[in-house]
């Protein structure tokens, strides 16, 4: 395993094989976490970045926003959500805070949540939710000043031992149904840090309850995520990762460092946690919901897709991007995290903005609508899923509802093709889904052209394993591909790129 990990640090082909082995259940979490400890920091960052590359991982860098705090008014909560929505930033909703605000203003929590969802177009992720709907906590927890993050190591007592003193009787009496929240959410995040050696039994709900929440979310069609701690970076982290992947069967992961990183070399441990998550996470998305500034920097280099942040008084506002001595409740985290992302990765990562905004969200949403839920993750091509959990979440947004009339389905496009040879310009997931559909209709040859040599090579290799049709690489020569085909389609994801390609080549856009 160590030899393969080292090879995957240098080779995208080896990284693809590593990821396929993970999808096929051929990797052992404990062995991988142990062997990652043998890699240098440079190797960990190279491996994580390779695994973030299409199609092994999600190569969007995102900033998800928490607009909630228990002492907001409904108007302020909604205004924060609308502002984040205007920037194209997905929302991370703390259900307990929505419930506290609703209670303070004589509303039902689900009523306020419905109002929030109606007013935004971006996907909405929900956290702090249990078997009886929003979790409820005493005031000293909901108004916590973040002393553990502020003081930094050595940590004493809090956060282990008191954070999740839940008011379970209140939860049962509030009259909320978990199913109602799951129907509205794009995804739901559970907490597995109470499992095994993560040593946080009082920080998280029981694992069986979190599995019930995850199953309810899946039945509703929502994505499922899990929060886990870096902990000791070794056995404790491996226990949390196994609980998330093997028992809860999550789609995406959120890694928490800061006071929840107890490793001797905490930056190496944070890198290792991110890379291990990248290897095992099925839905390809790995975020952090709590990381000091130096952890966030090395995490972004080692494969993070982004971070949760928040408005003042939202706990994510101080939990990510600040150092001990400055991390306190009341921080407006979004500008700080955005600055760190730009400073670490630049203003663009591949073909996308850092952090991703409306352009990227529209592209993913249109592409997801084109493919439809039957062709998306967890559906795969040669053991690599089509799209990722973002694509699933995008379909459960108001943006998808608004754009649905503009986007034709893959079946509609394919049904109009009367050709033996079809060129697809753009080697990403719309090409995968269209190629699968055309193959079922008897097309004999598929030509793939992409300016990124790796994207083209990986797409051709995987489709060639999956299809009866012959698949050819065109070395990024779009004009040659169009000339040699009976029909040609632009299958790029980003709208601007797709339009320019269509204008230049005469091929038809699909999404």
Protein backbone atom coordinates (compact mmCIF):
# COMPACT_ATOMS: atom_id res chain seq x y z
CA UNK A 1 0.00 0.00 0.00
CA UNK A 2 2.80 2.42 0.86
CA UNK A 3 4.34 1.95 -2.59
CA UNK A 4 1.01 2.72 -4.28
CA UNK A 5 0.52 5.81 -2.12
CA UNK A 6 3.96 7.09 -3.05
CA UNK A 7 3.34 6.38 -6.73
CA UNK A 8 0.01 8.22 -6.54
CA UNK A 9 1.83 11.31 -5.22
CA UNK A 10 3.54 11.59 -8.61
CA UNK A 11 1.11 9.93 -11.02
CA UNK A 12 -2.53 10.77 -11.75
CA UNK A 13 -2.93 7.30 -13.28
CA UNK A 14 -1.83 5.70 -10.00
CA UNK A 15 -4.11 8.07 -8.07
CA UNK A 16 -7.03 6.92 -10.23
CA UNK A 17 -6.27 3.28 -9.43
CA UNK A 18 -6.04 4.12 -5.72
CA UNK A 19 -9.44 5.79 -5.83
CA UNK A 20 -10.96 2.89 -7.76
CA UNK A 21 -9.69 0.47 -5.13
CA UNK A 22 -11.37 2.57 -2.44
CA UNK A 23 -14.68 2.59 -4.33
CA UNK A 24 -14.47 -1.16 -4.81
CA UNK A 25 -13.89 -1.75 -1.07
CA UNK A 26 -10.36 -3.07 -1.52
CA UNK A 27 -8.64 -0.69 0.94
CA UNK A 28 -8.35 -0.99 4.71
CA UNK A 29 -8.83 2.30 6.59
CA UNK A 30 -6.39 1.46 9.41
CA UNK A 31 -3.67 0.38 6.98
CA UNK A 32 -4.06 3.46 4.79
CA UNK A 33 -4.04 5.89 7.74
CA UNK A 34 -0.92 4.20 9.13
CA UNK A 35 0.91 4.22 5.80
CA UNK A 36 0.03 7.87 5.17
CA UNK A 37 2.03 8.58 8.33
CA UNK A 38 5.13 7.44 6.42
CA UNK A 39 4.74 10.15 3.75
CA UNK A 40 6.43 13.52 3.96
CA UNK A 41 4.35 16.68 4.19
CA UNK A 42 5.21 17.47 0.55
CA UNK A 43 4.08 13.99 -0.51
CA UNK A 44 0.81 14.32 1.43
CA UNK A 45 0.03 17.63 -0.27
CA UNK A 46 0.87 16.24 -3.71
CA UNK A 47 -1.27 13.15 -3.13
CA UNK A 48 -4.24 15.12 -1.81
CA UNK A 49 -4.09 17.54 -4.73
CA UNK A 50 -3.94 14.66 -7.22
CA UNK A 51 -6.98 13.04 -5.58
CA UNK A 52 -8.91 16.31 -5.81
CA UNK A 53 -8.41 16.22 -9.60
CA UNK A 54 -11.19 15.15 -11.95
CA UNK A 55 -12.42 12.42 -12.01
CA UNK A 56 -11.02 11.10 -8.69
CA UNK A 57 -12.34 14.02 -6.69
CA UNK A 58 -14.26 17.27 -6.79
CA UNK A 59 -12.06 20.11 -8.01
CA UNK A 60 -14.35 22.96 -6.90
CA UNK A 61 -13.05 25.09 -4.04
CA UNK A 62 -16.05 26.33 -2.10
CA UNK A 63 -16.94 28.52 0.84
CA UNK A 64 -20.12 27.30 2.54
CA UNK A 65 -21.86 29.81 4.80
CA UNK A 66 -23.56 29.51 8.17
CA UNK A 67 -26.15 32.33 8.39
CA UNK A 68 -27.62 31.22 11.75
CA UNK A 69 -27.18 32.10 15.40
CA UNK A 70 -29.61 31.54 18.26
CA UNK A 71 -29.84 35.25 19.15
CA UNK A 72 -30.65 36.50 15.64
CA UNK A 73 -34.10 37.67 14.62
CA UNK A 74 -35.83 35.90 11.72
CA UNK A 75 -35.17 38.93 9.51
CA UNK A 76 -31.42 38.95 10.20
CA UNK A 77 -31.18 35.19 9.69
CA UNK A 78 -32.97 35.47 6.34
CA UNK A 79 -30.95 38.53 5.30
CA UNK A 80 -27.69 36.65 5.93
CA UNK A 81 -28.94 33.70 3.89
CA UNK A 82 -30.01 35.94 1.01
CA UNK A 83 -26.64 37.76 0.99
CA UNK A 84 -24.75 34.44 0.81
CA UNK A 85 -27.14 33.31 -1.91
CA UNK A 86 -26.41 36.45 -3.97
CA UNK A 87 -22.73 35.45 -3.91
CA UNK A 88 -23.56 31.91 -5.01
CA UNK A 89 -22.27 30.37 -1.77
CA UNK A 90 -24.08 27.25 -0.49
CA UNK A 91 -25.71 27.44 2.94
CA UNK A 92 -24.91 25.38 6.05
CA UNK A 93 -27.90 25.61 8.39
CA UNK A 94 -27.54 24.90 12.11
CA UNK A 95 -30.97 23.44 12.88
CA UNK A 96 -30.78 24.19 16.61
CA UNK A 97 -30.26 27.91 15.86
CA UNK A 98 -33.23 28.02 13.47
CA UNK A 99 -35.31 26.36 16.22
CA UNK A 100 -34.11 28.85 18.85
CA UNK A 101 -34.92 31.85 16.64
CA UNK A 102 -38.32 30.41 15.71
CA UNK A 103 -39.18 29.75 19.36
CA UNK A 104 -38.17 33.27 20.38
CA UNK A 105 -40.50 34.76 17.77
CA UNK A 106 -43.50 32.47 18.16
CA UNK A 107 -42.89 30.36 15.03
CA UNK A 108 -42.47 26.66 14.39
CA UNK A 109 -38.88 25.78 13.40
CA UNK A 110 -39.97 24.07 10.17
CA UNK A 111 -41.98 27.18 9.26
CA UNK A 112 -38.89 29.40 9.51
CA UNK A 113 -36.77 26.84 7.67
CA UNK A 114 -39.30 26.66 4.82
CA UNK A 115 -39.24 30.44 4.58
CA UNK A 116 -35.45 30.41 4.36
CA UNK A 117 -35.38 27.74 1.65
CA UNK A 118 -37.98 29.62 -0.42
CA UNK A 119 -35.76 32.72 -0.45
CA UNK A 120 -32.52 31.19 -1.79
CA UNK A 121 -31.44 29.40 -4.96
CA UNK A 122 -28.29 27.70 -3.62
CA UNK A 123 -28.20 24.20 -2.10
CA UNK A 124 -28.94 24.07 1.65
CA UNK A 125 -27.08 21.71 4.00
CA UNK A 126 -28.50 21.03 7.48
CA UNK A 127 -26.53 20.15 10.63
CA UNK A 128 -27.38 19.60 14.32
CA UNK A 129 -30.45 17.54 13.59
CA UNK A 130 -31.58 14.35 15.28
CA UNK A 131 -34.37 11.83 15.39
CA UNK A 132 -36.88 14.46 16.58
CA UNK A 133 -35.84 17.25 14.24
CA UNK A 134 -33.57 20.13 15.36
CA UNK A 135 -31.34 19.30 18.32
CA UNK A 136 -31.78 21.65 21.27
CA UNK A 137 -29.10 22.81 23.69
CA UNK A 138 -28.93 24.94 26.86
CA UNK A 139 -28.02 28.62 26.62
CA UNK A 140 -24.40 28.18 27.76
CA UNK A 141 -23.83 26.02 24.67
CA UNK A 142 -25.80 28.00 22.08
CA UNK A 143 -24.10 31.21 23.23
CA UNK A 144 -20.66 29.62 23.73
CA UNK A 145 -17.89 32.18 23.27
CA UNK A 146 -15.51 29.65 21.73
CA UNK A 147 -13.05 29.73 24.62
CA UNK A 148 -11.37 26.52 23.51
CA UNK A 149 -10.60 27.98 20.06
CA UNK A 150 -9.53 31.29 21.59
CA UNK A 151 -7.14 29.86 24.17
CA UNK A 152 -5.61 27.14 22.02
CA UNK A 153 -3.48 24.30 23.37
CA UNK A 154 -3.05 22.88 25.92
CA UNK A 155 -6.80 22.25 26.04
CA UNK A 156 -8.51 21.51 29.35
CA UNK A 157 -11.90 19.79 29.77
CA UNK A 158 -13.96 21.68 27.17
CA UNK A 159 -14.68 20.80 24.37
CA UNK A 160 -14.62 17.16 25.45
CA UNK A 161 -17.24 16.41 28.05
CA UNK A 162 -19.90 19.11 27.84
CA UNK A 163 -20.73 20.46 24.37
CA UNK A 164 -23.64 18.26 23.43
CA UNK A 165 -25.67 18.34 26.64
CA UNK A 166 -28.85 17.99 24.64
CA UNK A 167 -32.31 18.94 25.81
CA UNK A 168 -33.79 15.73 24.45
CA UNK A 169 -37.15 16.16 26.20
CA UNK A 170 -37.50 19.55 24.54
CA UNK A 171 -36.69 17.99 21.18
CA UNK A 172 -39.44 15.43 21.63
CA UNK A 173 -41.96 18.08 22.66
CA UNK A 174 -41.27 20.59 19.86
CA UNK A 175 -43.49 18.71 17.39
CA UNK A 176 -40.97 18.65 14.53
CA UNK A 177 -40.59 15.76 12.09
CA UNK A 178 -37.15 14.77 10.82
CA UNK A 179 -38.75 13.75 7.51
CA UNK A 180 -40.00 17.32 6.88
CA UNK A 181 -36.50 18.73 7.25
CA UNK A 182 -35.00 16.00 5.05
CA UNK A 183 -37.47 16.79 2.26
CA UNK A 184 -36.38 20.45 2.21
CA UNK A 185 -32.62 19.98 2.63
CA UNK A 186 -30.18 19.41 -0.20
CA UNK A 187 -27.99 17.46 2.22
CA UNK A 188 -27.80 16.62 5.91
CA UNK A 189 -24.61 16.44 7.97
CA UNK A 190 -24.32 14.14 11.00
CA UNK A 191 -21.63 13.93 13.67
CA UNK A 192 -19.69 10.69 14.21
CA UNK A 193 -17.17 12.04 16.72
CA UNK A 194 -18.76 10.10 19.56
CA UNK A 195 -17.61 6.87 17.97
CA UNK A 196 -14.82 4.76 19.44
CA UNK A 197 -11.46 6.38 19.98
CA UNK A 198 -12.62 9.82 18.84
CA UNK A 199 -13.16 10.24 22.62
CA UNK A 200 -16.03 12.67 22.28
CA UNK A 201 -19.04 10.76 23.54
CA UNK A 202 -20.57 13.95 24.95
CA UNK A 203 -19.90 15.92 21.77
CA UNK A 204 -22.08 13.88 19.43
CA UNK A 205 -25.39 12.07 19.30
CA UNK A 206 -25.32 8.27 19.54
CA UNK A 207 -24.15 6.59 16.35
CA UNK A 208 -27.41 4.65 15.97
CA UNK A 209 -29.37 7.91 15.99
CA UNK A 210 -27.05 9.41 13.38
CA UNK A 211 -27.53 6.33 11.20
CA UNK A 212 -31.31 6.85 11.49
CA UNK A 213 -30.90 10.51 10.41
CA UNK A 214 -28.72 9.44 7.48
CA UNK A 215 -31.24 6.83 6.34
CA UNK A 216 -34.06 9.39 6.50
CA UNK A 217 -31.99 11.81 4.40
CA UNK A 218 -31.22 9.12 1.83
CA UNK A 219 -34.89 8.14 1.51
CA UNK A 220 -35.69 11.78 0.77
CA UNK A 221 -32.94 11.88 -1.90
CA UNK A 222 -30.64 14.22 0.04
CA UNK A 223 -26.89 13.86 0.34
CA UNK A 224 -25.36 12.74 3.65
CA UNK A 225 -22.22 14.10 5.27
CA UNK A 226 -20.34 13.51 8.51
CA UNK A 227 -18.17 15.57 10.82
CA UNK A 228 -15.13 13.86 12.30
CA UNK A 229 -12.21 15.06 14.38
CA UNK A 230 -8.52 14.91 13.55
CA UNK A 231 -8.19 13.66 17.16
CA UNK A 232 -4.81 11.90 17.59
CA UNK A 233 -4.42 11.78 13.80
CA UNK A 234 -3.96 8.01 13.93
CA UNK A 235 -6.14 5.38 15.65
CA UNK A 236 -8.75 7.86 16.91
CA UNK A 237 -9.08 9.45 13.48
CA UNK A 238 -9.27 6.03 11.80
CA UNK A 239 -12.13 5.04 14.14
CA UNK A 240 -14.13 8.12 13.17
CA UNK A 241 -13.42 7.62 9.46
CA UNK A 242 -14.58 3.99 9.63
CA UNK A 243 -17.78 5.01 11.42
CA UNK A 244 -18.52 7.60 8.71
CA UNK A 245 -17.67 5.46 5.69
CA UNK A 246 -18.56 1.94 6.78
CA UNK A 247 -21.48 2.45 9.17
CA UNK A 248 -23.19 5.74 8.32
CA UNK A 249 -22.17 5.38 4.63
CA UNK A 250 -21.78 9.10 4.06
CA UNK A 251 -21.26 10.94 0.78
CA UNK A 252 -19.03 13.80 1.98
CA UNK A 253 -16.86 14.59 5.01
CA UNK A 254 -16.10 17.63 7.19
CA UNK A 255 -12.81 17.51 9.12
CA UNK A 256 -12.59 19.39 12.42
CA UNK A 257 -9.21 20.51 13.72
CA UNK A 258 -8.52 23.32 16.19
CA UNK A 259 -9.19 22.02 19.72
CA UNK A 260 -10.22 18.70 18.16
CA UNK A 261 -6.72 18.12 16.78
CA UNK A 262 -4.77 16.48 19.61
CA UNK A 263 -1.87 15.15 17.51
CA UNK A 264 1.72 15.84 18.46
CA UNK A 265 2.45 17.24 14.99
CA UNK A 266 -0.95 18.77 14.37
CA UNK A 267 -0.26 20.14 10.86
CA UNK A 268 1.02 16.81 9.54
CA UNK A 269 -1.98 15.14 11.21
CA UNK A 270 -4.36 17.60 9.55
CA UNK A 271 -2.80 16.90 6.15
CA UNK A 272 -3.05 13.17 6.75
CA UNK A 273 -6.71 13.42 7.82
CA UNK A 274 -7.61 15.36 4.68
CA UNK A 275 -5.78 12.94 2.38
CA UNK A 276 -7.30 9.86 4.07
CA UNK A 277 -10.74 11.43 3.70
CA UNK A 278 -10.00 12.17 0.02
CA UNK A 279 -9.15 8.51 -0.56
CA UNK A 280 -12.24 7.06 1.10
CA UNK A 281 -15.04 9.61 0.69
CA UNK A 282 -17.50 8.26 -1.92
CA UNK A 283 -19.06 11.60 -2.92
CA UNK A 284 -15.63 13.21 -3.56
CA UNK A 285 -16.20 16.28 -1.33
CA UNK A 286 -13.99 17.00 1.72
CA UNK A 287 -14.42 20.23 3.71
CA UNK A 288 -13.33 21.59 7.05
CA UNK A 289 -15.83 22.93 9.57
CA UNK A 290 -13.21 23.89 12.16
CA UNK A 291 -9.54 24.64 11.48
CA UNK A 292 -7.02 27.19 12.69
CA UNK A 293 -5.55 29.34 9.94
CA UNK A 294 -2.40 27.24 9.54
CA UNK A 295 -4.50 24.04 9.40
CA UNK A 296 -6.73 25.55 6.73
CA UNK A 297 -3.70 26.54 4.62
CA UNK A 298 -2.08 23.10 4.68
CA UNK A 299 -5.49 21.44 4.25
CA UNK A 300 -6.21 23.43 1.09
CA UNK A 301 -2.83 22.37 -0.28
CA UNK A 302 -3.56 18.74 0.63
CA UNK A 303 -6.91 18.40 -1.11
CA UNK A 304 -9.66 20.21 0.80
CA UNK A 305 -12.59 21.35 -1.33
CA UNK A 306 -13.23 24.26 0.99
CA UNK A 307 -14.47 25.39 4.36
CA UNK A 308 -17.59 26.26 6.32
CA UNK A 309 -17.58 29.81 7.62
CA UNK A 310 -20.22 32.18 8.89
CA UNK A 311 -21.61 35.52 9.90
CA UNK A 312 -20.84 37.08 13.31
CA UNK A 313 -22.16 34.98 16.23
CA UNK A 314 -22.41 31.89 14.00
CA UNK A 315 -19.89 29.44 15.45
CA UNK A 316 -18.34 28.65 12.06
CA UNK A 317 -17.46 32.35 11.80
CA UNK A 318 -14.61 31.91 14.29
CA UNK A 319 -13.93 28.18 14.06
CA UNK A 320 -12.23 28.40 10.64
CA UNK A 321 -9.38 30.69 9.65
CA UNK A 322 -8.44 32.29 12.97
CA UNK A 323 -5.56 31.49 15.32
CA UNK A 324 -5.55 31.10 19.12
CA UNK A 325 -5.88 34.54 20.66
CA UNK A 326 -8.14 35.82 17.88
CA UNK A 327 -10.72 33.03 17.40
CA UNK A 328 -13.73 34.32 19.31
CA UNK A 329 -17.49 34.47 18.87
CA UNK A 330 -18.54 37.53 16.91
CA UNK A 331 -15.96 37.13 14.14
CA UNK A 332 -17.17 37.57 10.57
CA UNK A 333 -15.36 34.59 9.12
CA UNK A 334 -16.32 34.77 5.44
CA UNK A 335 -13.91 37.55 4.34
CA UNK A 336 -11.02 35.97 6.26
CA UNK A 337 -11.55 32.50 4.82
CA UNK A 338 -11.95 33.89 1.29
CA UNK A 339 -8.66 35.75 1.68
CA UNK A 340 -6.86 32.61 2.91
CA UNK A 341 -8.21 30.59 -0.02
CA UNK A 342 -7.06 33.19 -2.55
CA UNK A 343 -3.66 33.54 -0.88
CA UNK A 344 -3.13 29.76 -0.78
CA UNK A 345 -4.54 28.63 -4.14
CA UNK A 346 -4.81 31.82 -6.19
CA UNK A 347 -7.92 33.36 -7.70
CA UNK A 348 -8.61 30.34 -9.92
CA UNK A 349 -8.25 26.58 -9.49
CA UNK A 350 -8.30 24.96 -12.91
CA UNK A 351 -11.21 26.51 -14.82
CA UNK A 352 -13.10 27.71 -11.75
CA UNK A 353 -13.06 30.71 -9.42
CA UNK A 354 -11.72 30.48 -5.87
CA UNK A 355 -14.05 30.21 -4.10
CA UNK A 356 -16.67 28.89 -6.51
CA UNK A 357 -19.70 31.14 -7.08
CA UNK A 358 -22.76 31.42 -9.29
CA UNK A 359 -20.94 30.62 -12.54
CA UNK A 360 -19.77 27.27 -11.18
CA UNK A 361 -23.07 26.53 -9.47
CA UNK A 362 -25.02 27.24 -12.64
CA UNK A 363 -22.71 25.00 -14.66
CA UNK A 364 -23.03 22.09 -12.23
CA UNK A 365 -26.80 22.56 -11.95
CA UNK A 366 -27.32 22.62 -15.72
CA UNK A 367 -25.11 19.57 -16.17
CA UNK A 368 -26.90 17.71 -13.38
CA UNK A 369 -30.29 18.54 -14.92
CA UNK A 370 -29.04 17.31 -18.30
CA UNK A 371 -27.92 13.97 -16.87
CA UNK A 372 -30.80 13.53 -14.42
CA UNK A 373 -30.72 11.69 -11.11
CA UNK A 374 -30.65 8.22 -12.71
CA UNK A 375 -27.24 8.89 -14.29
CA UNK A 376 -25.64 10.73 -11.37
CA UNK A 377 -23.61 9.66 -8.35
CA UNK A 378 -23.60 6.97 -7.13
CA UNK A 379 -24.03 5.68 -10.74
CA UNK A 380 -20.50 5.05 -12.04
CA UNK A 381 -18.37 4.44 -15.10
CA UNK A 382 -15.78 1.72 -14.48
CA UNK A 383 -16.09 2.22 -10.69
CA UNK A 384 -15.72 6.03 -10.80
CA UNK A 385 -19.00 7.85 -9.97
CA UNK A 386 -20.55 10.27 -12.44
CA UNK A 387 -20.45 13.67 -10.77
CA UNK A 388 -20.24 14.00 -7.00
CA UNK A 389 -22.47 14.89 -4.08
CA UNK A 390 -22.56 18.52 -5.30
CA UNK A 391 -24.42 17.36 -8.41
CA UNK A 392 -26.98 15.52 -6.27
CA UNK A 393 -27.41 18.55 -3.99
CA UNK A 394 -27.70 20.92 -6.97
CA UNK A 395 -30.79 19.05 -8.20
CA UNK A 396 -32.45 19.75 -4.82
CA UNK A 397 -32.17 23.54 -5.11
CA UNK A 398 -34.37 26.36 -6.33
CA UNK A 399 -31.74 27.08 -8.97
CA UNK A 400 -32.49 23.66 -10.49
CA UNK A 401 -36.21 24.35 -10.45
CA UNK A 402 -35.70 27.66 -12.24
CA UNK A 403 -33.31 26.25 -14.84
CA UNK A 404 -35.18 23.00 -15.50
CA UNK A 405 -37.22 24.46 -18.37
CA UNK A 406 -34.05 25.55 -20.17
CA UNK A 407 -32.14 22.26 -20.06
CA UNK A 408 -33.01 19.26 -22.23
CA UNK A 409 -32.46 15.78 -20.83
CA UNK A 410 -29.73 13.44 -22.02
CA UNK A 411 -32.43 11.08 -23.33
CA UNK A 412 -33.98 13.85 -25.43
CA UNK A 413 -30.64 14.82 -26.95
CA UNK A 414 -29.59 11.23 -27.63
CA UNK A 415 -32.91 10.28 -29.18
CA UNK A 416 -32.34 12.79 -31.98
CA UNK A 417 -28.94 11.37 -32.95
CA UNK A 418 -28.88 9.35 -36.13
CA UNK A 419 -25.17 8.67 -36.48
CA UNK A 420 -22.52 5.98 -36.19
CA UNK A 421 -19.74 8.29 -34.97
CA UNK A 422 -20.34 11.05 -32.40
CA UNK A 423 -17.83 13.65 -31.18
CA UNK A 424 -18.07 14.96 -27.63
CA UNK A 425 -16.15 18.19 -26.98
CA UNK A 426 -15.35 18.23 -23.29
CA UNK A 427 -14.41 15.07 -21.43
CA UNK A 428 -16.22 15.58 -18.16
CA UNK A 429 -19.39 14.09 -16.72
CA UNK A 430 -21.93 15.28 -19.33
CA UNK A 431 -19.80 13.42 -21.90
CA UNK A 432 -19.88 10.31 -19.71
CA UNK A 433 -23.66 10.32 -19.41
CA UNK A 434 -24.26 11.10 -23.08
CA UNK A 435 -21.80 8.41 -24.15
CA UNK A 436 -23.56 5.82 -21.98
CA UNK A 437 -26.93 6.78 -23.44
CA UNK A 438 -25.67 6.79 -27.04
CA UNK A 439 -24.03 3.41 -26.48
CA UNK A 440 -27.41 1.95 -25.50
CA UNK A 441 -28.81 3.32 -28.77
CA UNK A 442 -26.13 1.55 -30.82
CA UNK A 443 -23.62 4.29 -31.70
CA UNK A 444 -20.44 2.57 -32.84
CA UNK A 445 -17.76 5.23 -32.21
CA UNK A 446 -17.35 8.02 -29.64
CA UNK A 447 -14.64 10.65 -30.13
CA UNK A 448 -13.53 12.56 -27.00
CA UNK A 449 -11.75 15.91 -27.27
CA UNK A 450 -10.62 17.92 -24.25
CA UNK A 451 -7.87 20.56 -23.91
CA UNK A 452 -6.76 18.93 -20.65
CA UNK A 453 -4.75 15.86 -21.70
CA UNK A 454 -5.39 14.06 -18.39
CA UNK A 455 -9.16 14.64 -18.49
CA UNK A 456 -9.27 13.31 -22.04
CA UNK A 457 -7.10 10.30 -21.26
CA UNK A 458 -9.04 9.35 -18.12
CA UNK A 459 -12.41 9.75 -19.83
CA UNK A 460 -11.37 7.63 -22.81
CA UNK A 461 -9.89 4.96 -20.57
CA UNK A 462 -12.94 4.64 -18.33
CA UNK A 463 -15.51 4.83 -21.13
CA UNK A 464 -13.57 2.27 -23.14
CA UNK A 465 -13.94 -0.17 -20.23
CA UNK A 466 -17.66 0.53 -19.93
CA UNK A 467 -19.00 0.87 -23.49
CA UNK A 468 -19.54 -1.50 -26.39
CA UNK A 469 -18.74 1.41 -28.73
CA UNK A 470 -15.12 2.18 -29.60
CA UNK A 471 -13.81 5.28 -27.82
CA UNK A 472 -11.05 7.42 -29.35
CA UNK A 473 -8.99 10.29 -27.93
CA UNK A 474 -8.63 13.33 -30.22
CA UNK A 475 -5.68 15.01 -28.46
CA UNK A 476 -7.74 18.12 -27.80
CA UNK A 477 -8.32 18.80 -31.51
CA UNK A 478 -11.96 19.88 -31.50
CA UNK A 479 -12.10 20.72 -35.21
CA UNK A 480 -10.68 17.33 -36.19
CA UNK A 481 -13.20 15.60 -33.90
CA UNK A 482 -16.11 17.47 -35.49
CA UNK A 483 -14.81 16.78 -39.00
CA UNK A 484 -14.47 13.04 -38.40
CA UNK A 485 -17.87 12.62 -36.68
CA UNK A 486 -21.39 12.35 -38.06
CA UNK A 487 -22.69 14.43 -35.13
CA UNK A 488 -20.93 16.60 -32.55
CA UNK A 489 -21.92 17.95 -29.13
CA UNK A 490 -20.28 20.34 -26.67
CA UNK A 491 -20.23 18.57 -23.29
CA UNK A 492 -18.23 21.13 -21.28
CA UNK A 493 -19.69 21.96 -17.87
CA UNK A 494 -19.01 25.71 -17.51
CA UNK A 495 -21.55 27.74 -19.56
CA UNK A 496 -19.10 30.31 -20.95
CA UNK A 497 -16.67 27.65 -22.13
CA UNK A 498 -19.48 25.63 -23.71
CA UNK A 499 -20.81 28.63 -25.62
CA UNK A 500 -17.37 29.57 -26.99
CA UNK A 501 -16.75 25.98 -28.08
CA UNK A 502 -20.07 25.79 -29.88
CA UNK A 503 -19.45 29.09 -31.67
CA UNK A 504 -15.97 28.04 -32.73
CA UNK A 505 -16.79 24.52 -33.93
CA UNK A 506 -20.46 24.50 -34.90
CA UNK A 507 -21.19 21.67 -32.47
CA UNK A 508 -24.43 21.77 -30.44
CA UNK A 509 -24.42 22.49 -26.71
CA UNK A 510 -26.25 20.07 -24.44
CA UNK A 511 -26.57 21.94 -21.13
